[in-house]
Protein backbone atom coordinates (compact mmCIF):
# COMPACT_ATOMS: atom_id res chain seq x y z
CA UNK A 1 148.31 195.00 81.55
CA UNK A 2 145.08 193.35 83.14
CA UNK A 3 143.33 195.86 84.90
CA UNK A 4 144.05 194.05 88.46
CA UNK A 5 147.32 194.26 88.05
CA UNK A 6 147.74 197.83 86.48
CA UNK A 7 148.21 199.09 90.52
CA UNK A 8 150.17 200.18 93.58
CA UNK A 9 151.91 196.88 95.22
CA UNK A 10 149.01 196.33 96.84
CA UNK A 11 146.22 197.65 94.80
CA UNK A 12 143.69 195.82 92.87
CA UNK A 13 140.37 197.19 91.15
CA UNK A 14 137.14 195.71 92.41
CA UNK A 15 134.78 194.59 90.52
CA UNK A 16 130.46 195.07 91.64
CA UNK A 17 130.29 191.39 90.21
CA UNK A 18 132.88 190.06 92.09
CA UNK A 19 131.65 191.72 95.71
CA UNK A 20 128.49 190.93 94.54
CA UNK A 21 129.27 186.88 94.10
CA UNK A 22 131.04 186.94 97.49
CA UNK A 23 134.96 186.98 95.93
CA UNK A 24 136.81 190.41 96.15
CA UNK A 25 139.77 191.93 95.79
CA UNK A 26 141.34 192.85 98.80
CA UNK A 27 144.32 195.02 99.83
CA UNK A 28 146.57 194.06 102.77
CA UNK A 29 148.86 197.47 103.57
CA UNK A 30 151.19 197.99 105.98
CA UNK A 31 153.16 201.09 107.75
CA UNK A 32 156.37 201.02 106.19
CA UNK A 33 155.97 204.77 104.48
CA UNK A 34 157.62 207.94 104.38
CA UNK A 35 156.12 210.60 106.78
CA UNK A 36 153.11 211.40 105.15
CA UNK A 37 149.63 211.87 106.21
CA UNK A 38 146.84 208.80 107.23
CA UNK A 39 144.78 210.01 104.19
CA UNK A 40 147.85 210.05 101.29
CA UNK A 41 148.38 205.99 102.93
CA UNK A 42 145.27 205.09 102.24
CA UNK A 43 143.94 203.08 98.54
CA UNK A 44 142.45 204.20 96.33
CA UNK A 45 138.00 204.24 97.40
CA UNK A 46 137.10 201.58 94.85
CA UNK A 47 140.38 199.39 96.64
CA UNK A 48 138.56 196.58 99.23
CA UNK A 49 141.12 196.49 101.84
CA UNK A 50 140.48 194.19 104.54
CA UNK A 51 139.56 196.48 106.97
CA UNK A 52 137.03 197.41 104.63
CA UNK A 53 135.68 193.97 104.37
CA UNK A 54 134.92 193.91 108.00
CA UNK A 55 133.27 197.56 108.08
CA UNK A 56 131.03 195.82 105.46
CA UNK A 57 127.49 194.07 107.16
CA UNK A 58 128.38 190.35 108.52
CA UNK A 59 132.14 191.63 108.52
CA UNK A 60 134.12 188.06 107.94
CA UNK A 61 132.48 184.71 109.10
CA UNK A 62 135.32 181.50 109.44
CA UNK A 63 135.74 179.99 106.01
CA UNK A 64 135.22 182.79 104.14
CA UNK A 65 137.56 182.93 100.91
CA UNK A 66 139.02 185.62 99.16
CA UNK A 67 140.68 185.12 95.78
CA UNK A 68 143.56 187.09 94.11
CA UNK A 69 144.27 188.96 97.20
CA UNK A 70 147.45 192.04 97.03
CA UNK A 71 149.53 191.53 100.40
CA UNK A 72 151.41 193.72 101.17
CA UNK A 73 153.50 192.59 104.71
CA UNK A 74 156.14 194.00 106.90
CA UNK A 75 158.71 191.95 107.91
CA UNK A 76 158.75 191.65 111.48
CA UNK A 77 161.91 189.96 112.39
CA UNK A 78 165.33 191.68 111.97
CA UNK A 79 166.01 191.33 108.44
CA UNK A 80 170.12 190.69 109.17
CA UNK A 81 171.74 191.56 105.84
CA UNK A 82 175.43 190.20 105.26
CA UNK A 83 176.98 192.17 102.69
CA UNK A 84 179.76 190.30 100.68
CA UNK A 85 182.24 191.84 98.22
CA UNK A 86 183.38 189.44 95.27
CA UNK A 87 184.43 189.03 91.79
CA UNK A 88 182.17 188.21 88.60
CA UNK A 89 183.77 188.96 85.21
CA UNK A 90 186.51 190.85 86.69
CA UNK A 91 184.27 193.69 88.37
CA UNK A 92 183.95 193.69 91.85
CA UNK A 93 180.47 193.66 93.08
CA UNK A 94 178.15 193.82 96.21
CA UNK A 95 175.93 191.14 97.33
CA UNK A 96 173.39 190.79 100.17
CA UNK A 97 171.47 188.30 102.25
CA UNK A 98 168.74 188.74 104.14
CA UNK A 99 166.11 186.79 106.22
CA UNK A 100 162.69 187.75 104.38
CA UNK A 101 159.87 185.72 106.77
CA UNK A 102 159.34 182.75 109.05
CA UNK A 103 157.22 180.24 107.59
CA UNK A 104 153.98 178.73 110.14
CA UNK A 105 153.57 181.97 112.23
CA UNK A 106 151.17 184.12 112.88
CA UNK A 107 153.00 187.07 112.10
CA UNK A 108 152.84 190.52 113.81
CA UNK A 109 150.41 191.89 110.91
CA UNK A 110 148.06 189.04 112.08
CA UNK A 111 148.42 186.81 108.92
CA UNK A 112 149.82 183.27 108.64
CA UNK A 113 152.35 182.45 105.89
CA UNK A 114 152.57 178.75 105.85
CA UNK A 115 155.62 176.70 104.75
CA UNK A 116 153.90 175.45 101.74
CA UNK A 117 152.86 179.18 100.81
CA UNK A 118 156.70 180.64 100.49
CA UNK A 119 157.75 176.98 99.03
CA UNK A 120 155.04 177.42 96.39
CA UNK A 121 155.86 181.57 95.68
CA UNK A 122 159.79 181.00 95.36
CA UNK A 123 159.05 177.74 92.91
CA UNK A 124 156.91 180.41 90.62
CA UNK A 125 159.66 183.14 91.02
CA UNK A 126 162.34 180.89 89.78
CA UNK A 127 161.27 182.13 86.27
CA UNK A 128 161.89 185.92 87.04
CA UNK A 129 164.65 185.04 88.91
CA UNK A 130 166.42 183.81 85.96
CA UNK A 131 165.54 186.91 83.74
CA UNK A 132 165.84 189.28 86.27
CA UNK A 133 162.73 190.20 87.33
CA UNK A 134 162.47 189.64 90.75
CA UNK A 135 163.78 193.20 92.63
CA UNK A 136 164.33 195.28 95.85
CA UNK A 137 162.67 198.70 95.66
CA UNK A 138 163.64 201.39 98.09
CA UNK A 139 160.51 201.49 100.30
CA UNK A 140 157.06 199.79 98.65
CA UNK A 141 155.89 202.07 95.40
CA UNK A 142 153.25 204.50 96.32
CA UNK A 143 149.11 203.77 94.79
CA UNK A 144 149.71 205.36 91.78
CA UNK A 145 152.40 203.22 90.68
CA UNK A 146 152.43 199.66 88.81
CA UNK A 147 152.67 196.55 90.59
CA UNK A 148 156.09 196.19 91.29
CA UNK A 149 157.35 200.16 91.13
CA UNK A 150 159.39 202.32 89.29
CA UNK A 151 162.44 201.25 87.40
CA UNK A 152 164.20 204.32 89.34
CA UNK A 153 163.77 203.33 93.10
CA UNK A 154 165.29 199.50 92.10
CA UNK A 155 168.32 199.21 94.84
CA UNK A 156 168.49 195.26 94.84
CA UNK A 157 168.15 192.20 91.80
CA UNK A 158 167.41 189.04 93.83
CA UNK A 159 169.10 186.03 92.68
CA UNK A 160 167.98 183.32 94.42
CA UNK A 161 165.31 182.51 97.21
CA UNK A 162 165.45 179.56 99.73
CA UNK A 163 163.74 178.50 103.21
CA UNK A 164 166.40 177.49 105.89
CA UNK A 165 165.34 176.17 109.27
CA UNK A 166 166.25 177.72 112.70
CA UNK A 167 165.55 177.65 116.23
CA UNK A 168 164.30 180.61 117.84
CA UNK A 169 162.71 181.13 121.37
CA UNK A 170 158.98 180.26 121.51
CA UNK A 171 158.25 183.53 123.67
CA UNK A 172 157.56 181.27 126.61
CA UNK A 173 160.77 179.81 127.84
CA UNK A 174 161.42 177.51 124.85
CA UNK A 175 162.61 176.99 121.61
CA UNK A 176 161.14 175.73 118.26
CA UNK A 177 162.07 175.24 115.11
CA UNK A 178 160.91 177.25 112.12
CA UNK A 179 161.40 177.54 108.77
CA UNK A 180 162.62 180.82 107.41
CA UNK A 181 162.74 182.35 104.06
CA UNK A 182 166.54 183.69 102.98
CA UNK A 183 166.78 185.99 99.34
CA UNK A 184 170.26 186.83 98.27
CA UNK A 185 170.67 188.87 95.28
CA UNK A 186 173.35 191.71 94.37
CA UNK A 187 173.39 195.09 95.10
CA UNK A 188 172.64 197.28 91.69
CA UNK A 189 175.15 200.66 91.13
CA UNK A 190 171.81 202.68 90.57
CA UNK A 191 171.19 205.81 92.68
CA UNK A 192 169.14 203.44 95.06
CA UNK A 193 171.31 200.86 94.91
CA UNK A 194 174.14 202.99 96.68
CA UNK A 195 171.55 204.28 99.09
CA UNK A 196 170.77 200.70 100.08
CA UNK A 197 174.63 199.96 100.52
CA UNK A 198 175.69 202.84 102.15
CA UNK A 199 172.38 201.96 104.91
CA UNK A 200 173.20 198.50 105.12
CA UNK A 201 176.90 198.70 105.95
CA UNK A 202 176.53 201.47 108.43
CA UNK A 203 174.14 198.92 110.30
CA UNK A 204 170.92 201.48 110.06
CA UNK A 205 167.94 198.93 110.73
CA UNK A 206 166.29 197.85 107.33
CA UNK A 207 162.75 195.98 106.72
CA UNK A 208 162.10 193.41 104.23
CA UNK A 209 158.35 193.72 102.91
CA UNK A 210 157.11 191.44 100.68
CA UNK A 211 155.01 193.01 98.49
CA UNK A 212 153.09 190.36 96.35
CA UNK A 213 148.85 188.18 95.13
CA UNK A 214 147.26 185.02 96.75
CA UNK A 215 143.93 183.70 97.50
CA UNK A 216 143.65 184.14 101.49
CA UNK A 217 141.32 182.00 104.12
CA UNK A 218 139.65 183.13 107.24
CA UNK A 219 140.70 180.85 110.05
CA UNK A 220 140.27 181.53 113.99
CA UNK A 221 143.50 181.67 115.64
CA UNK A 222 143.41 178.64 118.11
CA UNK A 223 143.44 176.39 114.98
CA UNK A 224 146.92 177.83 113.81
CA UNK A 225 148.23 178.65 117.29
CA UNK A 226 147.07 177.57 120.53
CA UNK A 227 148.81 179.64 123.00
CA UNK A 228 147.39 183.25 120.86
CA UNK A 229 145.99 185.86 122.84
CA UNK A 230 142.92 185.89 121.05
CA UNK A 231 142.07 182.59 120.65
CA UNK A 232 139.11 183.49 118.62
CA UNK A 233 140.14 186.33 116.03
CA UNK A 234 140.48 185.72 112.73
CA UNK A 235 143.62 185.50 110.84
CA UNK A 236 143.90 185.07 107.30
CA UNK A 237 145.82 182.45 106.45
CA UNK A 238 147.43 182.38 102.72
CA UNK A 239 147.18 180.04 100.23
CA UNK A 240 149.71 178.30 98.09
CA UNK A 241 148.98 180.55 95.21
CA UNK A 242 151.22 183.35 97.04
CA UNK A 243 152.99 184.77 94.13
CA UNK A 244 155.59 187.87 94.43
CA UNK A 245 155.69 191.15 92.86
CA UNK A 246 158.40 192.30 94.54
CA UNK A 247 160.49 192.18 98.11
CA UNK A 248 161.52 195.48 99.23
CA UNK A 249 163.69 197.33 101.62
CA UNK A 250 161.82 199.41 104.01
CA UNK A 251 162.02 201.68 107.17
CA UNK A 252 161.73 199.24 110.48
CA UNK A 253 158.79 197.45 111.01
CA UNK A 254 155.44 198.63 112.44
CA UNK A 255 155.23 198.60 116.33
CA UNK A 256 152.55 196.59 118.01
CA UNK A 257 149.55 198.87 118.56
CA UNK A 258 150.01 201.62 116.90
CA UNK A 259 151.11 204.11 119.48
CA UNK A 260 151.54 208.23 118.59
CA UNK A 261 155.08 208.47 117.56
CA UNK A 262 157.73 209.87 118.82
CA UNK A 263 158.98 213.97 118.15
CA UNK A 264 162.06 212.15 116.15
CA UNK A 265 159.53 208.79 114.55
CA UNK A 266 156.86 210.54 112.94
CA UNK A 267 155.75 207.22 111.36
CA UNK A 268 151.90 206.49 110.79
CA UNK A 269 150.89 203.14 113.16
CA UNK A 270 149.68 200.07 111.25
CA UNK A 271 146.14 199.74 109.98
CA UNK A 272 143.63 198.04 112.51
CA UNK A 273 142.32 194.55 113.27
CA UNK A 274 140.20 193.15 110.77
CA UNK A 275 136.75 193.27 112.48
CA UNK A 276 135.24 189.73 113.20
CA UNK A 277 131.49 189.03 112.82
CA UNK A 278 129.84 187.60 115.52
CA UNK A 279 129.24 183.84 115.02
CA UNK A 280 125.34 182.81 114.03
CA UNK A 281 126.15 178.94 114.42
CA UNK A 282 127.51 179.18 118.10
CA UNK A 283 128.00 182.02 120.81
CA UNK A 284 131.63 183.75 121.12
CA UNK A 285 133.34 181.60 123.87
CA UNK A 286 134.35 184.15 126.10
CA UNK A 287 134.76 182.22 128.97
CA UNK A 288 138.90 181.75 127.53
CA UNK A 289 139.15 185.89 127.46
CA UNK A 290 141.04 187.66 130.52
CA UNK A 291 138.68 188.68 132.89
CA UNK A 292 139.73 192.44 132.16
CA UNK A 293 139.63 192.34 128.41
CA UNK A 294 135.87 190.39 129.31
CA UNK A 295 135.03 193.60 130.96
CA UNK A 296 136.24 196.12 128.80
CA UNK A 297 133.90 194.85 126.03
CA UNK A 298 131.23 194.43 128.50
CA UNK A 299 131.81 198.16 129.08
CA UNK A 300 131.15 199.06 125.47
CA UNK A 301 129.22 196.36 125.06
CA UNK A 302 131.27 195.04 121.85
CA UNK A 303 132.76 192.53 120.92
CA UNK A 304 136.89 192.02 121.20
CA UNK A 305 137.41 192.94 117.61
CA UNK A 306 135.66 195.81 117.53
CA UNK A 307 137.24 197.03 121.08
CA UNK A 308 140.44 196.35 119.25
CA UNK A 309 139.35 198.80 116.45
CA UNK A 310 137.56 201.49 118.02
CA UNK A 311 138.86 201.89 121.11
CA UNK A 312 142.98 200.78 120.51
CA UNK A 313 144.43 202.98 122.94
CA UNK A 314 142.19 201.49 126.05
CA UNK A 315 142.66 198.02 124.77
CA UNK A 316 146.76 197.97 124.77
CA UNK A 317 146.17 199.95 128.23
CA UNK A 318 144.59 197.15 129.44
CA UNK A 319 147.13 194.29 127.68
CA UNK A 320 149.56 196.58 129.71
CA UNK A 321 147.93 196.46 132.67
CA UNK A 322 147.48 192.39 132.53
CA UNK A 323 150.93 192.13 131.90
CA UNK A 324 152.32 194.19 134.91
CA UNK A 325 150.13 192.18 137.34
CA UNK A 326 151.80 188.96 135.72
CA UNK A 327 155.19 190.82 136.78
CA UNK A 328 154.16 191.59 140.74
CA UNK A 329 152.80 188.10 140.88
CA UNK A 330 156.51 186.67 139.65
CA UNK A 331 158.02 189.06 142.04
CA UNK A 332 155.46 188.52 145.17
CA UNK A 333 154.26 184.98 145.10
CA UNK A 334 151.57 184.78 147.93
CA UNK A 335 151.01 181.06 149.88
CA UNK A 336 148.19 181.47 151.86
CA UNK A 337 148.70 179.79 155.32
CA UNK A 338 145.06 178.72 155.88
CA UNK A 339 141.94 177.31 153.40
CA UNK A 340 140.14 179.96 152.67
CA UNK A 341 135.67 179.56 152.86
CA UNK A 342 133.00 181.45 151.34
CA UNK A 343 132.91 183.63 154.62
CA UNK A 344 136.23 183.51 155.41
CA UNK A 345 138.63 184.34 152.68
CA UNK A 346 142.34 182.92 152.47
CA UNK A 347 144.77 185.66 154.42
CA UNK A 348 146.30 187.02 151.04
CA UNK A 349 142.78 186.71 148.92
CA UNK A 350 142.34 190.34 147.17
CA UNK A 351 140.25 193.24 149.23
CA UNK A 352 136.83 192.69 148.61
CA UNK A 353 135.90 195.74 147.37
CA UNK A 354 138.09 194.84 144.04
CA UNK A 355 136.17 192.62 141.59
CA UNK A 356 138.05 189.52 140.38
CA UNK A 357 137.75 186.57 138.17
CA UNK A 358 136.99 183.27 140.60
CA UNK A 359 140.61 181.32 139.69
CA UNK A 360 139.89 178.40 137.46
CA UNK A 361 140.72 174.73 139.06
CA UNK A 362 144.42 173.87 138.51
CA UNK A 363 144.42 171.55 134.95
CA UNK A 364 141.05 173.01 133.54
CA UNK A 365 141.33 174.35 130.30
CA UNK A 366 140.16 177.61 131.03
CA UNK A 367 143.10 178.02 133.79
CA UNK A 368 145.22 176.63 130.28
CA UNK A 369 143.84 179.19 127.94
CA UNK A 370 144.36 181.59 130.99
CA UNK A 371 147.23 181.35 131.63
CA UNK A 372 149.29 180.85 128.14
CA UNK A 373 146.79 184.23 127.20
CA UNK A 374 148.62 186.22 129.53
CA UNK A 375 151.69 184.30 128.68
CA UNK A 376 151.62 185.43 125.54
CA UNK A 377 150.74 188.86 126.59
CA UNK A 378 153.30 189.68 128.35
CA UNK A 379 156.18 188.26 126.04
CA UNK A 380 154.85 190.39 123.40
CA UNK A 381 154.12 193.57 125.44
CA UNK A 382 157.64 193.27 126.81
CA UNK A 383 159.43 192.43 123.59
CA UNK A 384 156.98 195.32 122.61
CA UNK A 385 158.09 197.91 125.19
CA UNK A 386 161.98 197.16 124.27
CA UNK A 387 161.44 197.99 120.52
CA UNK A 388 159.97 200.75 120.92
CA UNK A 389 162.60 202.56 123.46
CA UNK A 390 165.31 200.83 121.28
CA UNK A 391 163.65 202.94 117.93
CA UNK A 392 163.25 205.89 119.61
CA UNK A 393 166.43 205.92 121.52
CA UNK A 394 168.33 205.62 117.63
CA UNK A 395 165.82 208.28 116.36
CA UNK A 396 167.08 210.66 119.38
CA UNK A 397 170.84 209.75 118.03
CA UNK A 398 169.95 210.20 114.28
CA UNK A 399 168.46 213.63 114.43
CA UNK A 400 170.99 214.70 117.21
CA UNK A 401 173.89 214.57 114.17
CA UNK A 402 171.64 215.12 111.91
CA UNK A 403 171.52 218.74 113.41
CA UNK A 404 175.15 218.82 114.76
CA UNK A 405 176.52 218.82 110.67
CA UNK A 406 179.39 217.82 112.31
CA UNK A 407 183.02 217.91 110.09
CA UNK A 408 183.44 213.95 108.56
CA UNK A 409 186.57 212.28 109.70
CA UNK A 410 188.33 210.10 107.14
CA UNK A 411 188.85 206.83 107.59
CA UNK A 412 192.00 205.25 108.23
CA UNK A 413 192.71 202.17 107.20
CA UNK A 414 189.76 199.65 108.27
CA UNK A 415 189.67 202.08 111.27
CA UNK A 416 185.91 204.27 110.67
CA UNK A 417 185.49 206.78 113.03
CA UNK A 418 182.25 208.00 112.06
CA UNK A 419 180.72 204.54 112.65
CA UNK A 420 182.36 204.26 115.91
CA UNK A 421 181.17 207.50 117.11
CA UNK A 422 177.69 206.40 115.73
CA UNK A 423 178.02 203.23 117.56
CA UNK A 424 179.08 204.99 121.19
CA UNK A 425 176.62 207.36 120.89
CA UNK A 426 173.63 204.65 120.52
CA UNK A 427 175.02 202.95 123.39
CA UNK A 428 174.79 205.61 125.44
CA UNK A 429 171.29 206.01 124.20
CA UNK A 430 170.22 202.98 124.64
CA UNK A 431 171.70 202.83 127.74
CA UNK A 432 169.80 205.54 128.99
CA UNK A 433 166.82 205.93 132.16
CA UNK A 434 164.55 207.79 129.80
CA UNK A 435 164.65 209.59 126.70
CA UNK A 436 165.44 213.13 128.17
CA UNK A 437 168.57 211.55 129.57
CA UNK A 438 169.54 209.96 126.45
CA UNK A 439 169.23 213.41 124.81
CA UNK A 440 171.74 215.29 127.11
CA UNK A 441 173.80 212.51 127.31
CA UNK A 442 173.89 212.37 123.11
CA UNK A 443 173.99 216.53 122.93
CA UNK A 444 177.08 216.26 125.83
CA UNK A 445 178.84 213.75 123.23
CA UNK A 446 178.62 215.66 120.39
CA UNK A 447 179.12 219.16 121.65
CA UNK A 448 183.00 217.64 123.02
CA UNK A 449 183.15 216.01 119.10
CA UNK A 450 182.73 219.13 117.75
CA UNK A 451 185.38 220.80 119.99
CA UNK A 452 188.13 218.09 118.65
CA UNK A 453 186.74 218.05 115.05
CA UNK A 454 184.56 220.91 114.53
CA UNK A 455 181.42 221.07 112.25
CA UNK A 456 180.47 221.74 108.46
CA UNK A 457 180.23 224.94 108.56
CA UNK A 458 183.47 225.70 109.78
CA UNK A 459 184.66 225.08 106.04
CA UNK A 460 185.65 228.20 105.39
CA UNK A 461 187.41 229.20 108.67
CA UNK A 462 191.13 227.93 109.60
CA UNK A 463 190.91 224.77 111.91
CA UNK A 464 191.61 225.20 115.53
CA UNK A 465 195.53 225.06 116.68
CA UNK A 466 197.09 221.31 117.74
CA UNK A 467 198.69 220.97 120.82
CA UNK A 468 202.24 221.87 120.49
CA UNK A 469 201.57 222.88 117.14
CA UNK A 470 204.18 226.05 117.79
CA UNK A 471 206.91 223.44 118.50
CA UNK A 472 206.52 221.78 114.86
CA UNK A 473 209.64 223.18 112.83
CA UNK A 474 207.98 221.53 109.57
CA UNK A 475 205.55 224.59 109.38
CA UNK A 476 206.97 227.41 107.79
CA UNK A 477 205.30 229.64 110.70
CA UNK A 478 207.28 227.78 113.36
CA UNK A 479 210.70 228.31 111.55
CA UNK A 480 212.40 231.39 113.03
CA UNK A 481 214.53 234.18 111.85
CA UNK A 482 216.91 233.07 108.55
CA UNK A 483 220.27 233.10 109.06
CA UNK A 484 222.92 233.37 106.16
CA UNK A 485 224.54 230.14 104.71
CA UNK A 486 227.66 229.15 102.64
CA UNK A 487 231.12 231.38 102.79
CA UNK A 488 230.38 234.44 104.53
CA UNK A 489 234.03 235.59 104.64
CA UNK A 490 233.49 238.38 101.67
CA UNK A 491 231.06 239.71 104.15
CA UNK A 492 233.00 240.28 107.21
CA UNK A 493 234.51 243.80 107.85
CA UNK A 494 238.37 244.32 107.90
CA UNK A 495 240.15 244.43 111.37
CA UNK A 496 242.85 244.28 113.60
CA UNK A 497 243.15 240.54 115.18
CA UNK A 498 242.78 239.98 118.55
CA UNK A 499 246.17 240.26 120.38
CA UNK A 500 245.55 239.70 124.23
CA UNK A 501 249.39 240.17 125.58
CA UNK A 502 250.07 242.94 123.23
CA UNK A 503 246.72 244.72 124.71
CA UNK A 504 247.77 243.89 128.63
CA UNK A 505 251.89 244.97 127.83
CA UNK A 506 250.28 248.53 126.84
CA UNK A 507 248.53 248.70 129.61
CA UNK A 508 251.74 248.73 131.94
CA UNK A 509 253.67 251.36 129.45
CA UNK A 510 255.58 248.44 127.93
């Protein structure tokens, strides 16, 4: 096996000559990994990742191209897996259909996959699909594994790849049509395959992550998406030599911002955004940057990309502040009663002590850029908050159920009592006002169920009596004393027959 492929899913050996020539093998790896330390997730020292590439002197410039880049992507959309049973050669198999990725959008990992790149990858995968060479692993391979992982971790064998056109929300109140990569395959009857089938049947949130190689070229975000919140960010665009190694099942996708994980969710955050080298041809157009973001950059004396990397907590705090300002402005629109002047500000103007950027004139490019930027940030943060809350509440339910160790209730026909109870728990947890209330509600519901079905620890103890069980005559313990049956005449004692008239006569001396 060539040295550059004898590696993990996202590992290519970096050759010194390649770095010196300006062409380097890089690695893109996201955080869809088990709960381990950050150091364990880092690639070996000789691997050049996009983060390491940006940290080199000079960083990256627009138009730069890097070949043979390992792309380890985490899907940012719901995989929507659909299971189906079918007969093949007299044997029942389980097939799965899952959404893999959107085309022509900047994904939440900060990368852009054009439709042509996915079309090329699907075409290149045809021989592997025909020969059983493209599969899904349960979680991405480790850094020390081969690029396609270990055979023991295979869960699904992919049989076809396609691109479907769908209409989705554009995040600004409208809709747009995008291509969605769809993978279809069959669940392999290995332990990992059975695990995957069980998770999908129970509606556990499972993500899909592509793992392959391609060339990438850095392009400014404004050229890819005019509404992107940071038009100056350099986005790696995947070229048409993209090929799949695996398309894997992973835990749910990385949350935007890489904030500290909750007690129930201990996965590490995503990698820091790629630093961008200052342009030598023209100054950075910070006039299109939101004033709060510009103030943060001025505070640290760094570019926006450097602030994102080195002061991520402050950066995302500013984003939340911007979103809250927009929400308040929409809820309380202010209309000045008289026009304002330099010496006589408008009645509804902000206090003089608050520093604000002068509002741009209507219809100017500056205004349009700020408006689209704020709308993008607001939509992004709202979605991220909702997803973060939902993930935390589902983790609360999972943790509580695992700790409770309840005795399972067998299904009856098509009624799955275990799944129904879990759905009730998840609905109650998600609708709670805060995490503490969610924990309390879930604990109460689990305790109530424990009283009905008991726990696994009670396996050696008698089950609690059912209502009216003492009236159940089919139970031998409730049948009462045994009475003789059959011909009992031989067991009676001889005696005089009862004659009431004769007894009365004797009483009168007759």
